């Protein structure tokens, strides 16, 4: 998986930055604050985008391997 992450370092850096910022907002605000719940949505969306990006990279890598055969 580390090979896949190195290929698109900028994409993963941006998505990871969004998740880290959202977790920081969650830590600084209380659970009763609206910002906490909005940050929770961002964490879920960021995690989903990261997983989808890894799946797409894996799919494209397997297609390239099939093309070589």
Protein backbone atom coordinates (compact mmCIF):
# COMPACT_ATOMS: atom_id res chain seq x y z
CA UNK A 1 0.00 0.00 0.00
CA UNK A 2 2.90 2.38 0.58
CA UNK A 3 3.67 2.29 -3.14
CA UNK A 4 0.15 3.51 -3.88
CA UNK A 5 0.38 6.33 -1.37
CA UNK A 6 3.71 7.52 -2.79
CA UNK A 7 2.17 7.81 -6.26
CA UNK A 8 -0.37 10.43 -5.22
CA UNK A 9 1.31 12.11 -2.28
CA UNK A 10 -0.41 15.47 -2.81
CA UNK A 11 -3.92 13.98 -2.85
CA UNK A 12 -3.34 12.03 0.33
CA UNK A 13 -1.68 15.02 1.97
CA UNK A 14 -4.68 17.24 1.32
CA UNK A 15 -7.17 14.62 2.48
CA UNK A 16 -5.13 13.87 5.58
CA UNK A 17 -4.89 17.60 6.31
CA UNK A 18 -8.68 17.88 6.18
CA UNK A 19 -9.08 14.98 8.59
CA UNK A 20 -6.43 16.34 11.00
CA UNK A 21 -8.00 19.79 10.96
CA UNK A 22 -11.44 18.31 11.61
CA UNK A 23 -10.13 16.25 14.53
CA UNK A 24 -8.47 19.36 15.97
CA UNK A 25 -11.78 21.24 15.76
CA UNK A 26 -13.49 18.32 17.46
CA UNK A 27 -10.89 18.35 20.24
CA UNK A 28 -11.13 22.11 20.80
CA UNK A 29 -14.92 22.31 20.80
CA UNK A 30 -17.31 20.34 22.92
CA UNK A 31 -19.67 17.69 21.66
CA UNK A 32 -22.57 20.12 22.17
CA UNK A 33 -21.10 22.61 19.70
CA UNK A 34 -22.25 22.67 16.06
CA UNK A 35 -18.63 22.77 14.82
CA UNK A 36 -18.01 19.38 16.46
CA UNK A 37 -20.74 17.72 14.41
CA UNK A 38 -19.67 19.42 11.19
CA UNK A 39 -16.10 18.28 11.82
CA UNK A 40 -17.38 14.75 12.42
CA UNK A 41 -18.96 14.82 8.96
CA UNK A 42 -15.64 16.00 7.50
CA UNK A 43 -13.76 13.16 9.20
CA UNK A 44 -16.18 10.62 7.71
CA UNK A 45 -16.01 12.19 4.27
CA UNK A 46 -12.22 12.39 4.37
CA UNK A 47 -11.87 8.76 5.41
CA UNK A 48 -14.28 7.71 2.65
CA UNK A 49 -12.34 9.67 0.02
CA UNK A 50 -9.04 8.19 1.16
CA UNK A 51 -10.40 4.63 0.93
CA UNK A 52 -11.95 5.29 -2.48
CA UNK A 53 -8.69 6.77 -3.76
CA UNK A 54 -6.70 3.74 -2.57
CA UNK A 55 -9.22 1.40 -4.22
CA UNK A 56 -9.02 3.33 -7.50
CA UNK A 57 -5.22 3.27 -7.46
CA UNK A 58 -5.23 -0.46 -6.76
CA UNK A 59 -7.66 -1.02 -9.62
CA UNK A 60 -5.56 1.00 -12.06
CA UNK A 61 -2.42 -0.82 -10.94
CA UNK A 62 -4.03 -4.22 -11.55
CA UNK A 63 -5.20 -3.07 -14.98
CA UNK A 64 -1.64 -2.02 -15.83
CA UNK A 65 -0.40 -5.43 -14.73
CA UNK A 66 -3.00 -7.10 -16.97
CA UNK A 67 -1.92 -4.94 -19.91
CA UNK A 68 1.65 -6.16 -19.50
CA UNK A 69 0.55 -9.77 -19.83
